[in-house]
Amino acid sequence: MKRLLLAISFAIFPLQALSAELVMVEQAGCHWCAKWNEEISHIYPKTDEGKRVPLRRVDLRGLPDDIAFSSPPVFTPTFVLVEDGQELGRIEGYGGDEFFWFLLNRLLDDNGVKQVPKS
């Protein structure tokens, strides 16, 4: 029975979609973080991109130990594509919604993060 449930889970939720995440490195008082929050944060989980890579927020001054950053983030916001604890790439800064979506999709495509199947 456990094997059947596991097989069904993998059929519904591809392994790639479960292991990749978008880590937003932010800090209090960051104007561009606030702008991203105003323009994107409320819709991000509802988008195809948000389903491909769920958002995880971390503070610049308290980076988690479970992520191997290629270099320490310096700017906020920095959006880091992480899979299995390893950084695959990043977007530094926020230059507006259209630029963000373009860069994010390029980052996902360049790193082979698959589309979430439509139900």
PDB file of N, CA and C in Angstrom:
ATOM      1  N   MET A   1       0.814  -1.189   0.000  1.00  0.00           N
ATOM      2  CA  MET A   1       0.000   0.000   0.000  1.00  0.00           C
ATOM      3  C   MET A   1       0.869   1.271   0.000  1.00  0.00           C
ATOM      4  N   LYS A   2       1.948   1.252   0.827  1.00  0.00           N
ATOM      5  CA  LYS A   2       2.835   2.407   0.890  1.00  0.00           C
ATOM      6  C   LYS A   2       3.472   2.669  -0.470  1.00  0.00           C
ATOM      7  N   ARG A   3       3.852   1.609  -1.162  1.00  0.00           N
ATOM      8  CA  ARG A   3       4.465   1.776  -2.493  1.00  0.00           C
ATOM      9  C   ARG A   3       3.485   2.392  -3.480  1.00  0.00           C
ATOM     10  N   LEU A   4       2.234   1.982  -3.400  1.00  0.00           N
ATOM     11  CA  LEU A   4       1.212   2.531  -4.283  1.00  0.00           C
ATOM     12  C   LEU A   4       1.025   4.023  -4.021  1.00  0.00           C
ATOM     13  N   LEU A   5       0.932   4.400  -2.748  1.00  0.00           N
ATOM     14  CA  LEU A   5       0.788   5.813  -2.406  1.00  0.00           C
ATOM     15  C   LEU A   5       2.002   6.616  -2.851  1.00  0.00           C
ATOM     16  N   LEU A   6       3.190   6.059  -2.704  1.00  0.00           N
ATOM     17  CA  LEU A   6       4.403   6.738  -3.147  1.00  0.00           C
ATOM     18  C   LEU A   6       4.401   6.903  -4.661  1.00  0.00           C
ATOM     19  N   ALA A   7       4.011   5.886  -5.381  1.00  0.00           N
ATOM     20  CA  ALA A   7       3.949   5.967  -6.842  1.00  0.00           C
ATOM     21  C   ALA A   7       2.932   7.015  -7.293  1.00  0.00           C
ATOM     22  N   ILE A   8       1.797   7.062  -6.638  1.00  0.00           N
ATOM     23  CA  ILE A   8       0.779   8.056  -6.972  1.00  0.00           C
ATOM     24  C   ILE A   8       1.308   9.462  -6.671  1.00  0.00           C
ATOM     25  N   SER A   9       1.992   9.627  -5.548  1.00  0.00           N
ATOM     26  CA  SER A   9       2.561  10.935  -5.194  1.00  0.00           C
ATOM     27  C   SER A   9       3.537  11.418  -6.252  1.00  0.00           C
ATOM     28  N   PHE A  10       4.418  10.534  -6.733  1.00  0.00           N
ATOM     29  CA  PHE A  10       5.381  10.937  -7.754  1.00  0.00           C
ATOM     30  C   PHE A  10       4.705  11.230  -9.077  1.00  0.00           C
ATOM     31  N   ALA A  11       3.600  10.567  -9.351  1.00  0.00           N
ATOM     32  CA  ALA A  11       2.871  10.839 -10.593  1.00  0.00           C
ATOM     33  C   ALA A  11       2.198  12.214 -10.536  1.00  0.00           C
ATOM     34  N   ILE A  12       1.700  12.566  -9.367  1.00  0.00           N
ATOM     35  CA  ILE A  12       1.010  13.842  -9.218  1.00  0.00           C
ATOM     36  C   ILE A  12       1.991  14.990  -9.043  1.00  0.00           C
ATOM     37  N   PHE A  13       3.033  14.771  -8.246  1.00  0.00           N
ATOM     38  CA  PHE A  13       4.025  15.814  -7.940  1.00  0.00           C
ATOM     39  C   PHE A  13       5.386  15.350  -8.439  1.00  0.00           C
ATOM     40  N   PRO A  14       5.813  15.813  -9.612  1.00  0.00           N
ATOM     41  CA  PRO A  14       7.108  15.390 -10.130  1.00  0.00           C
ATOM     42  C   PRO A  14       8.218  15.711  -9.137  1.00  0.00           C
ATOM     43  N   LEU A  15       9.239  14.841  -9.092  1.00  0.00           N
ATOM     44  CA  LEU A  15      10.337  14.994  -8.156  1.00  0.00           C
ATOM     45  C   LEU A  15      11.008  16.348  -8.292  1.00  0.00           C
ATOM     46  N   GLN A  16      11.200  16.822  -9.506  1.00  0.00           N
ATOM     47  CA  GLN A  16      11.841  18.126  -9.730  1.00  0.00           C
ATOM     48  C   GLN A  16      11.061  19.237  -9.043  1.00  0.00           C
ATOM     49  N   ALA A  17       9.759  19.196  -9.151  1.00  0.00           N
ATOM     50  CA  ALA A  17       8.941  20.260  -8.576  1.00  0.00           C
ATOM     51  C   ALA A  17       8.996  20.245  -7.048  1.00  0.00           C
ATOM     52  N   LEU A  18       9.254  19.085  -6.461  1.00  0.00           N
ATOM     53  CA  LEU A  18       9.299  18.991  -5.016  1.00  0.00           C
ATOM     54  C   LEU A  18      10.626  19.458  -4.442  1.00  0.00           C
ATOM     55  N   SER A  19      11.707  19.348  -5.203  1.00  0.00           N
ATOM     56  CA  SER A  19      13.018  19.609  -4.624  1.00  0.00           C
ATOM     57  C   SER A  19      13.541  21.017  -4.893  1.00  0.00           C
ATOM     58  N   ALA A  20      13.027  21.715  -5.865  1.00  0.00           N
ATOM     59  CA  ALA A  20      13.511  23.061  -6.181  1.00  0.00           C
ATOM     60  C   ALA A  20      12.670  24.100  -5.451  1.00  0.00           C
ATOM     61  N   GLU A  21      13.330  25.185  -5.051  1.00  0.00           N
ATOM     62  CA  GLU A  21      12.626  26.293  -4.411  1.00  0.00           C
ATOM     63  C   GLU A  21      13.322  27.596  -4.780  1.00  0.00           C
ATOM     64  N   LEU A  22      12.579  28.673  -4.654  1.00  0.00           N
ATOM     65  CA  LEU A  22      13.128  29.996  -4.872  1.00  0.00           C
ATOM     66  C   LEU A  22      13.267  30.647  -3.498  1.00  0.00           C
ATOM     67  N   VAL A  23      14.496  30.953  -3.143  1.00  0.00           N
ATOM     68  CA  VAL A  23      14.778  31.548  -1.844  1.00  0.00           C
ATOM     69  C   VAL A  23      14.929  33.048  -2.030  1.00  0.00           C
ATOM     70  N   MET A  24      14.097  33.799  -1.341  1.00  0.00           N
ATOM     71  CA  MET A  24      14.182  35.260  -1.379  1.00  0.00           C
ATOM     72  C   MET A  24      14.966  35.721  -0.163  1.00  0.00           C
ATOM     73  N   VAL A  25      16.141  36.294  -0.415  1.00  0.00           N
ATOM     74  CA  VAL A  25      16.962  36.851   0.653  1.00  0.00           C
ATOM     75  C   VAL A  25      16.562  38.316   0.782  1.00  0.00           C
ATOM     76  N   GLU A  26      16.102  38.686   1.972  1.00  0.00           N
ATOM     77  CA  GLU A  26      15.585  40.033   2.189  1.00  0.00           C
ATOM     78  C   GLU A  26      16.079  40.571   3.523  1.00  0.00           C
ATOM     79  N   GLN A  27      15.799  41.837   3.780  1.00  0.00           N
ATOM     80  CA  GLN A  27      16.114  42.421   5.075  1.00  0.00           C
ATOM     81  C   GLN A  27      15.130  43.554   5.370  1.00  0.00           C
ATOM     82  N   ALA A  28      14.957  43.821   6.647  1.00  0.00           N
ATOM     83  CA  ALA A  28      14.061  44.899   7.067  1.00  0.00           C
ATOM     84  C   ALA A  28      14.550  46.227   6.506  1.00  0.00           C
ATOM     85  N   GLY A  29      13.605  47.042   6.066  1.00  0.00           N
ATOM     86  CA  GLY A  29      13.940  48.358   5.542  1.00  0.00           C
ATOM     87  C   GLY A  29      14.352  48.378   4.085  1.00  0.00           C
ATOM     88  N   CYS A  30      14.317  47.249   3.417  1.00  0.00           N
ATOM     89  CA  CYS A  30      14.712  47.166   2.005  1.00  0.00           C
ATOM     90  C   CYS A  30      13.562  47.692   1.132  1.00  0.00           C
ATOM     91  N   HIS A  31      13.803  48.813   0.471  1.00  0.00           N
ATOM     92  CA  HIS A  31      12.793  49.419  -0.392  1.00  0.00           C
ATOM     93  C   HIS A  31      12.383  48.480  -1.528  1.00  0.00           C
ATOM     94  N   TRP A  32      13.354  47.836  -2.162  1.00  0.00           N
ATOM     95  CA  TRP A  32      13.050  46.975  -3.308  1.00  0.00           C
ATOM     96  C   TRP A  32      12.361  45.682  -2.885  1.00  0.00           C
ATOM     97  N   CYS A  33      12.637  45.216  -1.665  1.00  0.00           N
ATOM     98  CA  CYS A  33      11.899  44.067  -1.124  1.00  0.00           C
ATOM     99  C   CYS A  33      10.427  44.449  -0.939  1.00  0.00           C
ATOM    100  N   ALA A  34      10.196  45.641  -0.396  1.00  0.00           N
ATOM    101  CA  ALA A  34       8.828  46.127  -0.198  1.00  0.00           C
ATOM    102  C   ALA A  34       8.108  46.278  -1.530  1.00  0.00           C
ATOM    103  N   LYS A  35       8.821  46.753  -2.537  1.00  0.00           N
ATOM    104  CA  LYS A  35       8.232  46.901  -3.866  1.00  0.00           C
ATOM    105  C   LYS A  35       7.847  45.531  -4.435  1.00  0.00           C
ATOM    106  N   TRP A  36       8.742  44.526  -4.289  1.00  0.00           N
ATOM    107  CA  TRP A  36       8.441  43.162  -4.747  1.00  0.00           C
ATOM    108  C   TRP A  36       7.222  42.629  -4.005  1.00  0.00           C
ATOM    109  N   ASN A  37       7.191  42.852  -2.698  1.00  0.00           N
ATOM    110  CA  ASN A  37       6.044  42.399  -1.897  1.00  0.00           C
ATOM    111  C   ASN A  37       4.746  43.020  -2.395  1.00  0.00           C
ATOM    112  N   GLU A  38       4.794  44.301  -2.717  1.00  0.00           N
ATOM    113  CA  GLU A  38       3.613  45.027  -3.188  1.00  0.00           C
ATOM    114  C   GLU A  38       3.139  44.516  -4.554  1.00  0.00           C
ATOM    115  N   GLU A  39       4.075  44.248  -5.439  1.00  0.00           N
ATOM    116  CA  GLU A  39       3.726  43.911  -6.822  1.00  0.00           C
ATOM    117  C   GLU A  39       3.602  42.410  -7.095  1.00  0.00           C
ATOM    118  N   ILE A  40       4.330  41.579  -6.385  1.00  0.00           N
ATOM    119  CA  ILE A  40       4.441  40.166  -6.768  1.00  0.00           C
ATOM    120  C   ILE A  40       3.984  39.187  -5.685  1.00  0.00           C
ATOM    121  N   SER A  41       4.300  39.449  -4.440  1.00  0.00           N
ATOM    122  CA  SER A  41       4.157  38.419  -3.399  1.00  0.00           C
ATOM    123  C   SER A  41       2.763  37.809  -3.314  1.00  0.00           C
ATOM    124  N   HIS A  42       1.726  38.601  -3.500  1.00  0.00           N
ATOM    125  CA  HIS A  42       0.362  38.093  -3.367  1.00  0.00           C
ATOM    126  C   HIS A  42      -0.052  37.193  -4.531  1.00  0.00           C
ATOM    127  N   ILE A  43       0.585  37.341  -5.676  1.00  0.00           N
ATOM    128  CA  ILE A  43       0.218  36.493  -6.818  1.00  0.00           C
ATOM    129  C   ILE A  43       1.207  35.358  -7.061  1.00  0.00           C
ATOM    130  N   TYR A  44       2.412  35.466  -6.510  1.00  0.00           N
ATOM    131  CA  TYR A  44       3.451  34.474  -6.808  1.00  0.00           C
ATOM    132  C   TYR A  44       2.989  33.029  -6.588  1.00  0.00           C
ATOM    133  N   PRO A  45       2.402  32.677  -5.444  1.00  0.00           N
ATOM    134  CA  PRO A  45       2.017  31.272  -5.239  1.00  0.00           C
ATOM    135  C   PRO A  45       0.975  30.759  -6.234  1.00  0.00           C
ATOM    136  N   LYS A  46       0.242  31.660  -6.878  1.00  0.00           N
ATOM    137  CA  LYS A  46      -0.819  31.275  -7.808  1.00  0.00           C
ATOM    138  C   LYS A  46      -0.306  31.096  -9.238  1.00  0.00           C
ATOM    139  N   THR A  47       0.935  31.502  -9.494  1.00  0.00           N
ATOM    140  CA  THR A  47       1.484  31.460 -10.850  1.00  0.00           C
ATOM    141  C   THR A  47       2.107  30.104 -11.146  1.00  0.00           C
ATOM    142  N   ASP A  48       2.323  29.826 -12.444  1.00  0.00           N
ATOM    143  CA  ASP A  48       3.023  28.603 -12.834  1.00  0.00           C
ATOM    144  C   ASP A  48       4.417  28.568 -12.216  1.00  0.00           C
ATOM    145  N   GLU A  49       5.077  29.717 -12.193  1.00  0.00           N
ATOM    146  CA  GLU A  49       6.426  29.789 -11.616  1.00  0.00           C
ATOM    147  C   GLU A  49       6.395  29.471 -10.121  1.00  0.00           C
ATOM    148  N   GLY A  50       5.403  29.995  -9.434  1.00  0.00           N
ATOM    149  CA  GLY A  50       5.267  29.740  -8.009  1.00  0.00           C
ATOM    150  C   GLY A  50       4.977  28.285  -7.701  1.00  0.00           C
ATOM    151  N   LYS A  51       4.330  27.609  -8.619  1.00  0.00           N
ATOM    152  CA  LYS A  51       4.078  26.175  -8.460  1.00  0.00           C
ATOM    153  C   LYS A  51       5.327  25.367  -8.800  1.00  0.00           C
ATOM    154  N   ARG A  52       6.117  25.870  -9.735  1.00  0.00           N
ATOM    155  CA  ARG A  52       7.365  25.191 -10.101  1.00  0.00           C
ATOM    156  C   ARG A  52       8.387  25.290  -8.977  1.00  0.00           C
ATOM    157  N   VAL A  53       8.512  26.479  -8.404  1.00  0.00           N
ATOM    158  CA  VAL A  53       9.484  26.706  -7.333  1.00  0.00           C
ATOM    159  C   VAL A  53       8.842  27.541  -6.233  1.00  0.00           C
ATOM    160  N   PRO A  54       8.329  26.877  -5.205  1.00  0.00           N
ATOM    161  CA  PRO A  54       7.720  27.612  -4.098  1.00  0.00           C
ATOM    162  C   PRO A  54       8.720  28.594  -3.491  1.00  0.00           C
ATOM    163  N   LEU A  55       8.201  29.669  -2.953  1.00  0.00           N
ATOM    164  CA  LEU A  55       9.027  30.726  -2.372  1.00  0.00           C
ATOM    165  C   LEU A  55       9.330  30.435  -0.909  1.00  0.00           C
ATOM    166  N   ARG A  56      10.577  30.645  -0.570  1.00  0.00           N
ATOM    167  CA  ARG A  56      11.040  30.560   0.819  1.00  0.00           C
ATOM    168  C   ARG A  56      11.759  31.877   1.125  1.00  0.00           C
ATOM    169  N   ARG A  57      11.400  32.510   2.210  1.00  0.00           N
ATOM    170  CA  ARG A  57      11.999  33.799   2.574  1.00  0.00           C
ATOM    171  C   ARG A  57      13.029  33.578   3.686  1.00  0.00           C
ATOM    172  N   VAL A  58      14.189  34.231   3.528  1.00  0.00           N
ATOM    173  CA  VAL A  58      15.218  34.188   4.559  1.00  0.00           C
ATOM    174  C   VAL A  58      15.778  35.594   4.748  1.00  0.00           C
ATOM    175  N   ASP A  59      16.284  35.855   5.939  1.00  0.00           N
ATOM    176  CA  ASP A  59      16.847  37.164   6.244  1.00  0.00           C
ATOM    177  C   ASP A  59      18.332  37.184   5.900  1.00  0.00           C
ATOM    178  N   LEU A  60      18.782  38.287   5.315  1.00  0.00           N
ATOM    179  CA  LEU A  60      20.176  38.449   4.925  1.00  0.00           C
ATOM    180  C   LEU A  60      21.117  38.272   6.108  1.00  0.00           C
ATOM    181  N   ARG A  61      20.685  38.698   7.286  1.00  0.00           N
ATOM    182  CA  ARG A  61      21.539  38.636   8.481  1.00  0.00           C
ATOM    183  C   ARG A  61      21.448  37.299   9.223  1.00  0.00           C
ATOM    184  N   GLY A  62      20.635  36.381   8.713  1.00  0.00           N
ATOM    185  CA  GLY A  62      20.490  35.069   9.351  1.00  0.00           C
ATOM    186  C   GLY A  62      20.305  33.985   8.315  1.00  0.00           C
ATOM    187  N   LEU A  63      21.287  33.839   7.430  1.00  0.00           N
ATOM    188  CA  LEU A  63      21.160  32.863   6.348  1.00  0.00           C
ATOM    189  C   LEU A  63      21.112  31.440   6.901  1.00  0.00           C
ATOM    190  N   PRO A  64      20.270  30.595   6.328  1.00  0.00           N
ATOM    191  CA  PRO A  64      20.127  29.224   6.832  1.00  0.00           C
ATOM    192  C   PRO A  64      21.350  28.364   6.505  1.00  0.00           C
ATOM    193  N   ASP A  65      21.571  27.372   7.334  1.00  0.00           N
ATOM    194  CA  ASP A  65      22.698  26.458   7.146  1.00  0.00           C
ATOM    195  C   ASP A  65      22.419  25.375   6.114  1.00  0.00           C
ATOM    196  N   ASP A  66      21.156  25.214   5.724  1.00  0.00           N
ATOM    197  CA  ASP A  66      20.818  24.114   4.819  1.00  0.00           C
ATOM    198  C   ASP A  66      20.931  24.491   3.342  1.00  0.00           C
ATOM    199  N   ILE A  67      21.476  25.671   3.040  1.00  0.00           N
ATOM    200  CA  ILE A  67      21.663  26.090   1.653  1.00  0.00           C
ATOM    201  C   ILE A  67      23.143  26.374   1.421  1.00  0.00           C
ATOM    202  N   ALA A  68      23.696  25.772   0.372  1.00  0.00           N
ATOM    203  CA  ALA A  68      25.078  26.029  -0.026  1.00  0.00           C
ATOM    204  C   ALA A  68      25.049  27.125  -1.089  1.00  0.00           C
ATOM    205  N   PHE A  69      25.188  28.378  -0.663  1.00  0.00           N
ATOM    206  CA  PHE A  69      25.215  29.504  -1.595  1.00  0.00           C
ATOM    207  C   PHE A  69      26.544  29.489  -2.338  1.00  0.00           C
ATOM    208  N   SER A  70      26.526  29.844  -3.628  1.00  0.00           N
ATOM    209  CA  SER A  70      27.778  29.908  -4.386  1.00  0.00           C
ATOM    210  C   SER A  70      28.670  31.030  -3.870  1.00  0.00           C
ATOM    211  N   SER A  71      28.055  32.071  -3.336  1.00  0.00           N
ATOM    212  CA  SER A  71      28.734  33.160  -2.630  1.00  0.00           C
ATOM    213  C   SER A  71      27.689  33.792  -1.724  1.00  0.00           C
ATOM    214  N   PRO A  72      28.108  34.415  -0.643  1.00  0.00           N
ATOM    215  CA  PRO A  72      27.114  34.998   0.255  1.00  0.00           C
ATOM    216  C   PRO A  72      26.325  36.110  -0.449  1.00  0.00           C
ATOM    217  N   PRO A  73      25.010  36.087  -0.343  1.00  0.00           N
ATOM    218  CA  PRO A  73      24.225  37.196  -0.898  1.00  0.00           C
ATOM    219  C   PRO A  73      24.604  38.509  -0.231  1.00  0.00           C
ATOM    220  N   VAL A  74      24.647  39.577  -1.023  1.00  0.00           N
ATOM    221  CA  VAL A  74      25.018  40.898  -0.524  1.00  0.00           C
ATOM    222  C   VAL A  74      23.855  41.872  -0.661  1.00  0.00           C
ATOM    223  N   PHE A  75      23.159  41.811  -1.792  1.00  0.00           N
ATOM    224  CA  PHE A  75      22.070  42.740  -2.105  1.00  0.00           C
ATOM    225  C   PHE A  75      20.730  42.129  -1.738  1.00  0.00           C
ATOM    226  N   THR A  76      19.775  43.004  -1.409  1.00  0.00           N
ATOM    227  CA  THR A  76      18.407  42.530  -1.200  1.00  0.00           C
ATOM    228  C   THR A  76      17.476  43.331  -2.090  1.00  0.00           C
ATOM    229  N   PRO A  77      16.489  42.659  -2.642  1.00  0.00           N
ATOM    230  CA  PRO A  77      16.324  41.224  -2.560  1.00  0.00           C
ATOM    231  C   PRO A  77      17.266  40.493  -3.518  1.00  0.00           C
ATOM    232  N   THR A  78      17.630  39.298  -3.121  1.00  0.00           N
ATOM    233  CA  THR A  78      18.307  38.359  -4.008  1.00  0.00           C
ATOM    234  C   THR A  78      17.442  37.115  -4.038  1.00  0.00           C
ATOM    235  N   PHE A  79      17.146  36.653  -5.238  1.00  0.00           N
ATOM    236  CA  PHE A  79      16.316  35.463  -5.438  1.00  0.00           C
ATOM    237  C   PHE A  79      17.236  34.334  -5.875  1.00  0.00           C
ATOM    238  N   VAL A  80      17.318  33.288  -5.060  1.00  0.00           N
ATOM    239  CA  VAL A  80      18.258  32.196  -5.299  1.00  0.00           C
ATOM    240  C   VAL A  80      17.474  30.930  -5.624  1.00  0.00           C
ATOM    241  N   LEU A  81      17.757  30.359  -6.783  1.00  0.00           N
ATOM    242  CA  LEU A  81      17.164  29.084  -7.161  1.00  0.00           C
ATOM    243  C   LEU A  81      17.983  27.983  -6.501  1.00  0.00           C
ATOM    244  N   VAL A  82      17.309  27.181  -5.673  1.00  0.00           N
ATOM    245  CA  VAL A  82      17.977  26.150  -4.886  1.00  0.00           C
ATOM    246  C   VAL A  82      17.325  24.812  -5.184  1.00  0.00           C
ATOM    247  N   GLU A  83      18.177  23.812  -5.348  1.00  0.00           N
ATOM    248  CA  GLU A  83      17.680  22.443  -5.492  1.00  0.00           C
ATOM    249  C   GLU A  83      18.530  21.543  -4.617  1.00  0.00           C
ATOM    250  N   ASP A  84      17.868  20.778  -3.770  1.00  0.00           N
ATOM    251  CA  ASP A  84      18.548  19.872  -2.843  1.00  0.00           C
ATOM    252  C   ASP A  84      19.640  20.588  -2.053  1.00  0.00           C
ATOM    253  N   GLY A  85      19.365  21.821  -1.643  1.00  0.00           N
ATOM    254  CA  GLY A  85      20.280  22.574  -0.811  1.00  0.00           C
ATOM    255  C   GLY A  85      21.423  23.263  -1.541  1.00  0.00           C
ATOM    256  N   GLN A  86      21.470  23.137  -2.871  1.00  0.00           N
ATOM    257  CA  GLN A  86      22.547  23.715  -3.669  1.00  0.00           C
ATOM    258  C   GLN A  86      22.021  24.865  -4.521  1.00  0.00           C
ATOM    259  N   GLU A  87      22.742  25.964  -4.539  1.00  0.00           N
ATOM    260  CA  GLU A  87      22.366  27.076  -5.397  1.00  0.00           C
ATOM    261  C   GLU A  87      22.606  26.715  -6.856  1.00  0.00           C
ATOM    262  N   LEU A  88      21.590  26.971  -7.681  1.00  0.00           N
ATOM    263  CA  LEU A  88      21.714  26.759  -9.127  1.00  0.00           C
ATOM    264  C   LEU A  88      21.933  28.070  -9.863  1.00  0.00           C
ATOM    265  N   GLY A  89      21.449  29.154  -9.302  1.00  0.00           N
ATOM    266  CA  GLY A  89      21.565  30.464  -9.928  1.00  0.00           C
ATOM    267  C   GLY A  89      20.814  31.483  -9.102  1.00  0.00           C
ATOM    268  N   ARG A  90      20.936  32.754  -9.501  1.00  0.00           N
ATOM    269  CA  ARG A  90      20.286  33.802  -8.717  1.00  0.00           C
ATOM    270  C   ARG A  90      19.940  35.006  -9.563  1.00  0.00           C
ATOM    271  N   ILE A  91      19.015  35.782  -9.026  1.00  0.00           N
ATOM    272  CA  ILE A  91      18.647  37.094  -9.554  1.00  0.00           C
ATOM    273  C   ILE A  91      18.948  38.073  -8.433  1.00  0.00           C
ATOM    274  N   GLU A  92      19.808  39.037  -8.695  1.00  0.00           N
ATOM    275  CA  GLU A  92      20.134  40.036  -7.684  1.00  0.00           C
ATOM    276  C   GLU A  92      19.354  41.307  -7.969  1.00  0.00           C
ATOM    277  N   GLY A  93      18.585  41.736  -6.977  1.00  0.00           N
ATOM    278  CA  GLY A  93      17.816  42.956  -7.116  1.00  0.00           C
ATOM    279  C   GLY A  93      16.432  42.721  -7.680  1.00  0.00           C
ATOM    280  N   TYR A  94      15.681  43.793  -7.745  1.00  0.00           N
ATOM    281  CA  TYR A  94      14.330  43.756  -8.312  1.00  0.00           C
ATOM    282  C   TYR A  94      14.139  45.017  -9.140  1.00  0.00           C
ATOM    283  N   GLY A  95      13.977  44.832 -10.445  1.00  0.00           N
ATOM    284  CA  GLY A  95      13.846  45.961 -11.355  1.00  0.00           C
ATOM    285  C   GLY A  95      12.458  46.125 -11.934  1.00  0.00           C
ATOM    286  N   GLY A  96      11.451  45.596 -11.256  1.00  0.00           N
ATOM    287  CA  GLY A  96      10.085  45.684 -11.742  1.00  0.00           C
ATOM    288  C   GLY A  96       9.532  44.327 -12.110  1.00  0.00           C
ATOM    289  N   ASP A  97       8.205  44.251 -12.196  1.00  0.00           N
ATOM    290  CA  ASP A  97       7.548  42.958 -12.382  1.00  0.00           C
ATOM    291  C   ASP A  97       7.878  42.284 -13.707  1.00  0.00           C
ATOM    292  N   GLU A  98       7.865  43.011 -14.811  1.00  0.00           N
ATOM    293  CA  GLU A  98       8.143  42.377 -16.103  1.00  0.00           C
ATOM    294  C   GLU A  98       9.556  41.838 -16.166  1.00  0.00           C
ATOM    295  N   PHE A  99      10.516  42.589 -15.671  1.00  0.00           N
ATOM    296  CA  PHE A  99      11.910  42.161 -15.666  1.00  0.00           C
ATOM    297  C   PHE A  99      12.084  40.949 -14.754  1.00  0.00           C
ATOM    298  N   PHE A 100      11.408  40.948 -13.598  1.00  0.00           N
ATOM    299  CA  PHE A 100      11.489  39.822 -12.677  1.00  0.00           C
ATOM    300  C   PHE A 100      11.000  38.533 -13.326  1.00  0.00           C
ATOM    301  N   TRP A 101       9.802  38.583 -13.945  1.00  0.00           N
ATOM    302  CA  TRP A 101       9.244  37.366 -14.549  1.00  0.00           C
ATOM    303  C   TRP A 101      10.130  36.862 -15.682  1.00  0.00           C
ATOM    304  N   PHE A 102      10.670  37.777 -16.483  1.00  0.00           N
ATOM    305  CA  PHE A 102      11.569  37.383 -17.573  1.00  0.00           C
ATOM    306  C   PHE A 102      12.805  36.676 -17.019  1.00  0.00           C
ATOM    307  N   LEU A 103      13.450  37.286 -16.032  1.00  0.00           N
ATOM    308  CA  LEU A 103      14.668  36.691 -15.464  1.00  0.00           C
ATOM    309  C   LEU A 103      14.380  35.375 -14.750  1.00  0.00           C
ATOM    310  N   LEU A 104      13.263  35.307 -14.041  1.00  0.00           N
ATOM    311  CA  LEU A 104      12.923  34.078 -13.335  1.00  0.00           C
ATOM    312  C   LEU A 104      12.684  32.943 -14.318  1.00  0.00           C
ATOM    313  N   ASN A 105      11.920  33.186 -15.366  1.00  0.00           N
ATOM    314  CA  ASN A 105      11.663  32.122 -16.342  1.00  0.00           C
ATOM    315  C   ASN A 105      12.938  31.679 -17.034  1.00  0.00           C
ATOM    316  N   ARG A 106      13.810  32.614 -17.333  1.00  0.00           N
ATOM    317  CA  ARG A 106      15.090  32.239 -17.938  1.00  0.00           C
ATOM    318  C   ARG A 106      15.913  31.387 -16.972  1.00  0.00           C
ATOM    319  N   LEU A 107      15.927  31.773 -15.694  1.00  0.00           N
ATOM    320  CA  LEU A 107      16.651  31.011 -14.676  1.00  0.00           C
ATOM    321  C   LEU A 107      16.099  29.595 -14.552  1.00  0.00           C
ATOM    322  N   LEU A 108      14.779  29.471 -14.529  1.00  0.00           N
ATOM    323  CA  LEU A 108      14.159  28.145 -14.417  1.00  0.00           C
ATOM    324  C   LEU A 108      14.437  27.301 -15.651  1.00  0.00           C
ATOM    325  N   ASP A 109      14.278  27.896 -16.817  1.00  0.00           N
ATOM    326  CA  ASP A 109      14.510  27.153 -18.063  1.00  0.00           C
ATOM    327  C   ASP A 109      15.972  26.750 -18.205  1.00  0.00           C
ATOM    328  N   ASP A 110      16.890  27.658 -17.892  1.00  0.00           N
ATOM    329  CA  ASP A 110      18.322  27.361 -18.008  1.00  0.00           C
ATOM    330  C   ASP A 110      18.752  26.234 -17.083  1.00  0.00           C
ATOM    331  N   ASN A 111      18.023  26.048 -15.990  1.00  0.00           N
ATOM    332  CA  ASN A 111      18.378  25.013 -15.017  1.00  0.00           C
ATOM    333  C   ASN A 111      17.477  23.787 -15.090  1.00  0.00           C
ATOM    334  N   GLY A 112      16.656  23.713 -16.120  1.00  0.00           N
ATOM    335  CA  GLY A 112      15.841  22.524 -16.361  1.00  0.00           C
ATOM    336  C   GLY A 112      14.754  22.274 -15.342  1.00  0.00           C
ATOM    337  N   VAL A 113      14.274  23.312 -14.684  1.00  0.00           N
ATOM    338  CA  VAL A 113      13.169  23.141 -13.754  1.00  0.00           C
ATOM    339  C   VAL A 113      11.906  22.997 -14.581  1.00  0.00           C
ATOM    340  N   LYS A 114      11.321  21.847 -14.504  1.00  0.00           N
ATOM    341  CA  LYS A 114      10.195  21.489 -15.379  1.00  0.00           C
ATOM    342  C   LYS A 114       8.914  22.228 -15.009  1.00  0.00           C
ATOM    343  N   GLN A 115       8.078  22.358 -16.011  1.00  0.00           N
ATOM    344  CA  GLN A 115       6.741  22.935 -15.824  1.00  0.00           C
ATOM    345  C   GLN A 115       5.911  21.997 -14.957  1.00  0.00           C
ATOM    346  N   VAL A 116       5.038  22.547 -14.179  1.00  0.00           N
ATOM    347  CA  VAL A 116       4.097  21.753 -13.408  1.00  0.00           C
ATOM    348  C   VAL A 116       2.968  21.368 -14.355  1.00  0.00           C
ATOM    349  N   PRO A 117       2.651  20.064 -14.447  1.00  0.00           N
ATOM    350  CA  PRO A 117       1.592  19.650 -15.366  1.00  0.00           C
ATOM    351  C   PRO A 117       0.253  20.287 -14.992  1.00  0.00           C
ATOM    352  N   LYS A 118      -0.499  20.689 -15.996  1.00  0.00           N
ATOM    353  CA  LYS A 118      -1.848  21.228 -15.784  1.00  0.00           C
ATOM    354  C   LYS A 118      -2.768  20.090 -15.365  1.00  0.00           C
ATOM    355  N   SER A 119      -3.664  20.385 -14.437  1.00  0.00           N
ATOM    356  CA  SER A 119      -4.583  19.322 -14.004  1.00  0.00           C
ATOM    357  C   SER A 119      -5.901  19.433 -14.697  1.00  0.00           C
TER     358      SER A 119
END
